[in-house]
Protein backbone atom coordinates (compact mmCIF):
# COMPACT_ATOMS: atom_id res chain seq x y z
CA MET A 1 0.00 0.00 0.00
CA ASN A 2 2.92 2.36 0.58
CA ASN A 3 3.61 2.35 -3.17
CA ALA A 4 0.00 2.31 -4.37
CA VAL A 5 -1.23 5.01 -6.72
CA THR A 6 -4.14 6.62 -4.93
CA PHE A 7 -7.03 8.71 -6.18
CA PRO A 8 -7.56 12.30 -5.07
CA HIS A 9 -9.80 12.26 -1.95
CA GLU A 10 -9.37 8.49 -1.65
CA GLU A 11 -10.94 6.92 1.42
CA ARG A 12 -10.12 3.84 3.54
CA PHE A 13 -13.04 2.32 5.42
CA ALA A 14 -11.52 -0.23 7.81
CA GLY A 15 -11.90 0.64 11.50
CA ARG A 16 -14.40 3.44 10.90
CA PRO A 17 -15.97 5.26 12.53
CA THR A 18 -13.84 5.88 15.60
CA CYS A 19 -15.15 7.63 18.71
CA ARG A 20 -14.43 10.95 16.98
CA VAL A 21 -17.79 11.75 15.45
CA SER A 22 -19.84 14.91 15.72
CA GLY A 23 -22.96 14.97 17.85
CA ALA A 24 -24.85 15.62 14.60
CA HIS A 25 -23.18 12.74 12.73
CA GLU A 26 -26.24 10.48 12.42
CA LEU A 27 -28.57 13.34 11.47
CA MET A 28 -26.20 14.46 8.72
CA GLU A 29 -25.86 10.94 7.35
CA LYS A 30 -29.65 10.73 7.13
CA ARG A 31 -29.58 13.99 5.15
CA GLY A 32 -27.19 12.48 2.58
CA ALA A 33 -23.75 13.26 3.98
CA ARG A 34 -20.78 11.46 2.42
CA MET A 35 -18.23 11.33 5.20
CA HIS A 36 -14.49 11.49 4.80
CA PHE A 37 -11.88 10.55 7.40
CA HIS A 38 -10.03 13.58 8.71
CA SER A 39 -7.47 13.15 11.49
CA GLY A 40 -9.56 10.43 13.08
CA TRP A 41 -12.82 12.34 12.63
CA GLU A 42 -15.77 11.62 10.39
CA GLN A 43 -16.67 14.86 8.60
CA PRO A 44 -19.13 15.51 5.74
CA ALA A 45 -17.26 16.00 2.47
CA TRP A 46 -20.42 16.52 0.40
CA PHE A 47 -24.14 15.83 0.51
CA CYS A 48 -26.19 13.83 -1.95
CA PRO A 49 -29.07 16.02 -3.22
CA SER A 50 -32.54 15.20 -1.85
CA GLY A 51 -31.07 13.14 0.97
CA GLY A 52 -30.28 10.17 -1.28
CA LYS A 53 -27.43 7.73 -0.72
CA PRO A 54 -24.13 9.28 -1.83
CA GLU A 55 -22.03 6.87 -3.86
CA TYR A 56 -18.26 6.84 -3.41
CA GLN A 57 -16.78 6.86 -6.93
CA PRO A 58 -13.24 8.29 -6.82
CA SER A 59 -11.54 9.20 -10.08
CA PHE A 60 -8.51 11.00 -11.47
CA ARG A 61 -11.00 12.91 -13.60
CA ARG A 62 -14.15 14.81 -12.67
CA THR A 63 -16.04 12.84 -10.04
CA ASN A 64 -19.67 11.95 -9.41
CA TRP A 65 -19.86 14.54 -6.60
CA HIS A 66 -19.01 17.47 -8.92
CA ALA A 67 -22.64 18.56 -9.45
CA ALA A 68 -23.46 18.17 -5.75
CA VAL A 69 -20.56 20.41 -4.76
CA GLU A 70 -21.65 22.99 -7.32
CA GLY A 71 -25.11 23.02 -5.73
CA GLU A 72 -23.61 23.48 -2.26
CA VAL A 73 -21.49 26.43 -3.43
CA ASP A 74 -24.57 28.03 -4.98
CA LEU A 75 -26.51 27.44 -1.75
CA VAL A 76 -23.97 29.34 0.36
CA MET A 77 -23.62 32.14 -2.20
CA THR A 78 -27.37 32.74 -2.51
CA SER A 79 -28.97 31.59 0.75
CA ALA A 80 -27.22 29.87 3.66
CA GLY A 81 -25.55 26.58 4.42
CA ILE A 82 -24.54 24.67 7.54
CA ILE A 83 -21.21 22.86 7.81
CA ASP A 84 -19.84 20.67 10.59
CA LEU A 85 -16.40 21.96 11.64
CA THR A 86 -16.14 19.90 14.82
CA PRO A 87 -12.76 18.38 13.78
CA PHE A 88 -11.06 21.77 14.21
CA ALA A 89 -8.48 21.58 16.99
CA LYS A 90 -9.52 23.74 19.95
CA LEU A 91 -6.91 24.78 22.52
CA LEU A 92 -7.55 26.83 25.65
CA VAL A 93 -4.75 29.10 26.90
CA GLU A 94 -5.22 30.67 30.33
CA GLY A 95 -3.12 32.32 33.05
CA PRO A 96 -1.63 35.66 34.08
CA ASP A 97 1.00 35.53 31.29
CA SER A 98 -1.37 34.35 28.55
CA GLU A 99 -1.48 37.62 26.59
CA ALA A 100 2.27 38.22 26.80
CA PHE A 101 2.94 34.56 25.93
CA LEU A 102 0.77 34.60 22.81
CA ASN A 103 2.21 37.94 21.70
CA HIS A 104 5.67 36.40 22.03
CA VAL A 105 5.01 33.18 20.14
CA THR A 106 2.82 34.53 17.30
CA ALA A 107 3.36 37.26 14.72
CA ASN A 108 0.13 39.27 14.92
CA LYS A 109 -1.08 41.42 17.81
CA ILE A 110 -3.27 39.57 20.29
CA PRO A 111 -6.82 41.04 20.34
CA LYS A 112 -8.94 42.65 23.04
CA VAL A 113 -11.70 40.77 24.87
CA GLY A 114 -14.47 39.80 22.45
CA ARG A 115 -12.28 39.99 19.36
CA THR A 116 -10.65 37.40 17.10
CA VAL A 117 -7.46 37.56 15.07
CA ILE A 118 -5.66 35.33 12.57
CA THR A 119 -2.00 34.98 13.45
CA HIS A 120 0.97 32.79 12.53
CA VAL A 121 3.58 30.90 14.47
CA LEU A 122 7.01 31.40 12.90
CA THR A 123 10.29 29.58 13.25
CA SER A 124 13.52 31.42 14.01
CA THR A 125 14.12 31.53 10.23
CA GLY A 126 10.73 33.07 9.41
CA HIS A 127 9.11 29.88 8.10
CA VAL A 128 5.44 29.24 8.87
CA TYR A 129 5.10 26.68 11.65
CA ALA A 130 1.35 27.16 12.17
CA GLU A 131 -1.67 29.33 11.45
CA LEU A 132 -3.94 30.04 14.43
CA THR A 133 -7.27 31.77 14.98
CA VAL A 134 -7.09 33.36 18.43
CA THR A 135 -10.18 34.63 20.29
CA ARG A 136 -9.94 36.44 23.59
CA THR A 137 -12.87 35.41 25.74
CA LYS A 138 -11.63 36.97 29.02
CA GLU A 139 -8.67 39.08 30.10
CA ASP A 140 -6.54 35.99 30.75
CA SER A 141 -8.35 33.38 28.66
CA PHE A 142 -7.96 32.62 24.94
CA LEU A 143 -9.51 30.02 22.65
CA ILE A 144 -7.18 28.95 19.84
CA ILE A 145 -8.57 27.24 16.75
CA THR A 146 -6.25 25.42 14.38
CA GLY A 147 -6.51 22.70 11.74
CA SER A 148 -7.56 19.19 12.71
CA GLY A 149 -4.47 17.69 11.09
CA VAL A 150 -2.09 19.75 13.25
CA GLU A 151 -3.83 19.39 16.62
CA MET A 152 -0.89 17.77 18.43
CA HIS A 153 1.73 19.49 16.23
CA ASP A 154 0.59 22.94 17.36
CA LEU A 155 -0.22 21.97 20.95
CA ARG A 156 3.21 20.42 21.51
CA TRP A 157 4.94 23.52 20.16
CA LEU A 158 2.95 25.85 22.42
CA GLN A 159 3.62 23.62 25.42
CA GLU A 160 7.34 23.58 24.66
CA GLN A 161 7.52 27.36 24.28
CA ALA A 162 5.63 27.84 27.56
CA ARG A 163 8.00 25.48 29.38
CA LEU A 164 11.21 26.93 27.91
CA GLY A 165 10.15 30.48 28.64
CA GLY A 166 8.81 29.81 32.10
CA TRP A 167 5.50 31.44 31.18
CA LYS A 168 2.71 31.31 33.76
CA VAL A 169 0.09 29.79 31.46
CA SER A 170 -1.94 26.61 31.26
CA LEU A 171 -2.83 24.87 28.01
CA ALA A 172 -5.80 22.53 27.68
CA ASN A 173 -6.90 20.54 24.63
CA GLN A 174 -10.68 20.90 24.27
CA THR A 175 -10.94 19.41 20.79
CA ASP A 176 -13.03 16.43 21.87
CA GLU A 177 -15.22 18.41 24.27
CA LEU A 178 -16.30 21.19 21.91
CA GLY A 179 -18.31 20.86 18.72
CA CYS A 180 -18.50 23.49 15.99
CA LEU A 181 -21.27 24.15 13.48
CA SER A 182 -20.90 27.04 11.06
CA VAL A 183 -23.66 28.91 9.25
CA ALA A 184 -22.60 30.88 6.16
CA GLY A 185 -24.34 32.79 3.41
CA PRO A 186 -26.26 36.04 2.89
CA LYS A 187 -29.22 34.81 4.96
CA SER A 188 -27.16 33.44 7.85
CA LYS A 189 -27.77 36.44 10.09
CA GLN A 190 -31.54 36.26 9.59
CA ILE A 191 -31.50 32.59 10.56
CA LEU A 192 -29.44 33.13 13.69
CA ALA A 193 -31.50 36.18 14.69
CA LYS A 194 -34.56 33.92 14.88
CA LEU A 195 -32.80 31.96 17.61
CA SER A 196 -31.09 34.76 19.57
CA GLN A 197 -31.42 38.53 19.89
CA ALA A 198 -27.61 38.75 19.97
CA PHE A 199 -27.64 38.57 16.16
CA GLU A 200 -30.25 41.29 15.62
CA GLY A 201 -27.94 44.24 16.19
CA LYS A 202 -24.33 44.83 15.25
CA PHE A 203 -22.04 41.82 15.26
CA PRO A 204 -18.76 43.06 13.73
CA PHE A 205 -16.43 40.98 11.59
CA PHE A 206 -13.85 39.11 13.70
CA SER A 207 -15.83 39.62 16.90
CA ALA A 208 -17.02 36.96 19.32
CA LYS A 209 -19.88 36.78 21.81
CA GLU A 210 -21.07 34.26 24.36
CA VAL A 211 -24.74 33.71 23.50
CA ASN A 212 -27.58 31.32 24.22
CA LEU A 213 -28.87 29.75 21.03
CA ALA A 214 -31.82 27.34 21.17
CA GLY A 215 -31.18 26.87 24.90
CA ILE A 216 -27.48 26.11 24.35
CA ASP A 217 -24.74 28.35 25.77
CA LEU A 218 -22.08 28.78 23.12
CA LEU A 219 -19.38 31.05 21.72
CA ALA A 220 -20.28 32.64 18.38
CA MET A 221 -17.46 34.01 16.20
CA ARG A 222 -18.22 36.11 13.16
CA LEU A 223 -15.94 34.69 10.52
CA SER A 224 -16.16 32.06 7.80
CA TYR A 225 -13.57 30.25 5.67
CA THR A 226 -16.09 30.47 2.82
CA GLY A 227 -15.39 34.21 2.55
CA GLU A 228 -19.12 34.85 2.92
CA LEU A 229 -21.14 36.31 5.81
CA GLY A 230 -21.02 33.64 8.46
CA TRP A 231 -20.52 32.51 12.05
CA GLU A 232 -18.76 29.62 13.74
CA LEU A 233 -20.67 28.32 16.78
CA TYR A 234 -18.53 26.57 19.42
CA HIS A 235 -20.61 24.55 21.88
CA PRO A 236 -20.53 21.38 23.99
CA ARG A 237 -20.20 18.50 21.54
CA SER A 238 -23.07 16.65 23.22
CA HIS A 239 -25.45 19.42 22.11
CA SER A 240 -24.53 19.38 18.40
CA ALA A 241 -27.62 17.46 17.30
CA LYS A 242 -29.98 19.82 19.15
CA LEU A 243 -28.22 22.89 17.71
CA TYR A 244 -28.20 21.41 14.19
CA GLU A 245 -31.93 20.71 14.28
CA ALA A 246 -32.64 24.22 15.61
CA LEU A 247 -30.62 25.79 12.78
CA LEU A 248 -32.41 23.69 10.15
CA ASP A 249 -35.80 24.61 11.60
CA ALA A 250 -35.01 28.34 11.85
CA GLY A 251 -33.56 28.38 8.35
CA HIS A 252 -36.28 26.38 6.60
CA GLU A 253 -38.11 29.45 5.28
CA HIS A 254 -34.79 30.82 4.00
CA GLY A 255 -33.86 27.66 2.10
CA VAL A 256 -31.02 26.64 4.38
CA GLY A 257 -29.19 23.44 3.53
CA ASP A 258 -25.97 21.53 4.11
CA PHE A 259 -22.52 21.84 2.61
CA GLY A 260 -19.31 19.90 3.12
CA THR A 261 -15.58 20.38 3.09
CA LEU A 262 -15.23 20.02 -0.69
CA ALA A 263 -17.48 23.04 -1.29
CA LEU A 264 -15.68 24.90 1.50
CA ASN A 265 -12.36 24.23 -0.25
CA VAL A 266 -13.73 25.64 -3.49
CA MET A 267 -15.01 28.83 -1.87
CA ARG A 268 -11.86 29.51 0.13
CA GLN A 269 -9.75 29.20 -3.05
CA GLU A 270 -12.11 31.42 -5.03
CA LYS A 271 -11.58 34.10 -2.34
CA GLY A 272 -7.81 33.59 -2.32
CA PHE A 273 -7.72 32.20 1.24
CA LYS A 274 -4.58 30.21 1.95
CA MET A 275 -4.30 26.99 3.95
CA TRP A 276 -1.57 25.69 6.24
CA GLY A 277 -0.05 22.50 4.86
CA ALA A 278 -0.64 23.68 1.30
CA GLU A 279 0.12 27.33 0.57
CA MET A 280 2.15 27.69 3.77
CA ASN A 281 4.24 25.24 5.78
CA LEU A 282 7.73 24.79 7.18
CA ASP A 283 9.17 25.00 3.64
CA THR A 284 7.67 28.45 3.02
CA THR A 285 8.50 31.74 4.67
CA ILE A 286 5.88 34.25 5.74
CA THR A 287 6.94 36.48 2.84
CA ASP A 288 6.86 33.61 0.30
CA ALA A 289 3.22 32.98 1.16
CA GLY A 290 2.24 36.66 0.99
CA LEU A 291 1.07 36.74 4.61
CA MET A 292 2.65 39.98 5.83
CA ALA A 293 -0.83 41.48 6.32
CA PHE A 294 -1.07 39.19 9.36
CA VAL A 295 2.26 40.28 10.85
CA ASN A 296 2.45 43.20 13.28
CA MET A 297 6.04 44.49 13.26
CA LYS A 298 5.19 47.33 15.67
CA LYS A 299 4.07 45.22 18.64
CA GLY A 300 7.57 44.40 19.87
CA ASP A 301 9.70 41.29 19.65
CA PHE A 302 8.27 37.87 18.81
CA VAL A 303 9.67 34.54 17.70
CA GLY A 304 10.92 34.93 14.12
CA ARG A 305 10.79 38.74 14.01
CA ALA A 306 14.51 39.17 13.28
CA ALA A 307 14.21 36.71 10.40
CA VAL A 308 11.23 38.62 8.98
CA VAL A 309 13.29 41.85 9.03
CA ASP A 310 16.00 40.10 7.01
CA LEU A 311 13.51 38.54 4.60
CA LEU A 312 11.97 41.94 3.85
CA LYS A 313 15.40 43.19 2.75
CA GLN A 314 15.78 40.40 0.20
CA ARG A 315 14.31 39.92 -3.24
CA PRO A 316 11.83 37.02 -3.17
CA LYS A 317 12.91 33.82 -4.89
CA ARG A 318 9.33 32.75 -5.53
CA MET A 319 5.85 34.18 -5.21
CA LEU A 320 2.44 32.65 -4.59
CA VAL A 321 -0.11 33.28 -7.36
CA GLN A 322 -3.39 31.85 -8.56
CA LEU A 323 -3.77 30.29 -11.99
CA ARG A 324 -6.68 29.67 -14.30
CA VAL A 325 -6.08 26.25 -15.83
CA ASP A 326 -7.53 25.15 -19.17
CA SER A 327 -8.67 21.57 -18.62
CA GLU A 328 -11.95 19.93 -19.57
CA ASP A 329 -12.37 17.22 -16.94
CA VAL A 330 -9.19 17.02 -14.85
CA GLU A 331 -8.77 19.41 -11.92
CA PRO A 332 -5.52 20.26 -10.14
CA HIS A 333 -5.40 19.32 -6.46
CA GLY A 334 -1.92 20.48 -5.46
CA ASP A 335 1.66 19.26 -5.94
CA GLU A 336 1.39 19.37 -9.73
CA THR A 337 4.43 20.51 -11.70
CA VAL A 338 4.35 23.88 -13.46
CA TRP A 339 6.31 24.08 -16.73
CA LEU A 340 7.48 26.75 -19.18
CA CYS A 341 9.50 26.21 -22.35
CA GLY A 342 10.22 22.62 -21.40
CA LYS A 343 11.56 23.46 -17.95
CA VAL A 344 10.10 23.10 -14.47
CA VAL A 345 9.43 26.57 -13.04
CA GLY A 346 7.16 25.92 -10.07
CA ASN A 347 4.50 23.82 -8.40
CA THR A 348 0.85 24.01 -7.46
CA THR A 349 -0.21 23.87 -3.81
CA SER A 350 -4.03 23.58 -4.06
CA GLY A 351 -6.56 23.40 -6.84
CA CYS A 352 -10.22 22.88 -7.65
CA PHE A 353 -12.94 23.62 -10.19
CA SER A 354 -14.07 27.21 -9.72
CA HIS A 355 -17.84 27.35 -10.13
CA HIS A 356 -17.56 31.14 -10.35
CA LEU A 357 -15.09 31.13 -13.27
CA ARG A 358 -16.37 27.84 -14.72
CA HIS A 359 -12.73 26.77 -15.01
CA PRO A 360 -10.21 24.93 -12.85
CA ILE A 361 -8.00 27.16 -10.70
CA ALA A 362 -4.87 26.53 -8.65
CA PHE A 363 -2.54 28.20 -6.20
CA ALA A 364 1.07 27.95 -7.40
CA TYR A 365 4.54 29.11 -6.53
CA LEU A 366 6.40 30.75 -9.43
CA PRO A 367 9.60 32.80 -9.76
CA PRO A 368 8.89 36.56 -9.56
CA PHE A 369 9.47 37.17 -13.29
CA LEU A 370 6.58 34.81 -14.07
CA ALA A 371 4.28 35.94 -11.24
CA VAL A 372 2.74 38.59 -13.49
CA PRO A 373 -0.99 38.75 -14.34
CA GLY A 374 -1.59 37.31 -17.79
CA CYS A 375 1.65 35.30 -17.89
CA GLN A 376 1.20 31.93 -19.61
CA VAL A 377 2.59 28.70 -18.10
CA GLN A 378 1.65 25.02 -18.22
CA VAL A 379 0.37 22.74 -15.44
CA GLU A 380 0.99 19.01 -15.74
CA LEU A 381 -2.24 17.05 -15.25
CA LEU A 382 -2.22 13.27 -15.82
CA GLY A 383 0.89 13.62 -17.97
CA ASP A 384 -0.54 16.38 -20.19
CA LEU A 385 0.74 19.96 -20.09
CA ARG A 386 -2.36 22.13 -19.78
CA PRO A 387 -2.23 25.89 -20.52
CA ALA A 388 -2.57 28.11 -17.46
CA THR A 389 -2.74 31.86 -16.95
CA VAL A 390 -1.64 33.89 -13.92
CA LEU A 391 -4.67 35.68 -12.49
CA PRO A 392 -4.48 39.32 -11.30
CA GLY A 393 -5.96 38.28 -7.96
CA PRO A 394 -8.56 35.97 -6.44
CA PRO A 395 -11.48 35.12 -8.74
CA MET A 396 -13.91 36.57 -6.18
CA LEU A 397 -13.78 39.20 -3.46
CA PRO A 398 -14.80 38.07 0.04
CA HIS A 399 -18.14 39.27 1.45
CA THR A 400 -16.57 42.11 3.46
CA ALA A 401 -14.55 43.43 0.48
CA ARG A 402 -17.59 43.29 -1.81
CA GLY A 403 -19.48 45.40 0.71
CA LYS A 404 -16.73 48.03 0.79
CA ALA A 405 -16.49 48.06 -3.00
CA ALA A 406 -20.25 48.63 -3.29
CA ARG A 407 -19.96 51.70 -1.05
């Protein structure tokens, strides 16, 4: 099996499910969820329309779930969708040194109470060790959200830094205790406002509130990886089914539905949102990945700051861009070779079919002289060199940017 050629999104079914299932797992399966295995968790990848039985038919070419994913993207863009994000790793940092500790070990400025920030953990050489979403719930209490695949990777690093620095903080892994359902789309606020008055007034972007929703005390964060109006709702995992049913009931008149991680991946790429493990990792610097907007150089010293200063003095060796790829039924997924004039010039990091552009797209690293809008390269897909064009930016603006542009 170590040398087997595997399909994109290939699944193995032995030993599943484990104890890591969402509280809404059975309800979502009844509604047509096709689960995939993600760091020990069962998580909906896509939903079969009309609650039918989703067939698993992997392929190197366009798959049988293509139309279903397109419908889920349209649902979130026009109405509202619910996604189960329970596999996210959830780490609680508390103690008198918690703010100073997090400011030291991450590159962005730690927020005030009730606010959320995206920040990165850097190595001493300026490479990206982790991407964290940090919410300050109290003066000395922070909830950190990170990817399910790096739960122990990020926790171990934070624990080591706390020990080496003698910081007065405690770290607790709450991944298994907390569930997360997210509601995203233009009608998401109307749906949530039916369940709690907290959503009727202002609820700023990147803010967080402790609210009671359908009789469940939870933490609501206003952000969404879809790039659309949305909230992530962190709650006791045992209450996920009750919360899920309440959201479906409140959203019925608005046409609410389900969407999975495949549709989420499409929407985040269409908005130009990067992902740790793909566009950024320990092989990429913070400047390579174009993430300086999330670095606060004025807040004082932090791990990796000196390296960032040096990197900003250098000419970049490669730059991250997005490509439009001309391919009829084969989509890029990442790690494809990029060619020009018979020579390898770069590689893709992620890819998908963009339902907005009606073409495949991909993130790719290219040398600076090729990272120019309109530049033509080739992406190798199943042995064929497919024409690709460097885009001037993301295919779509996120919800917040579209609102500013309209004004």
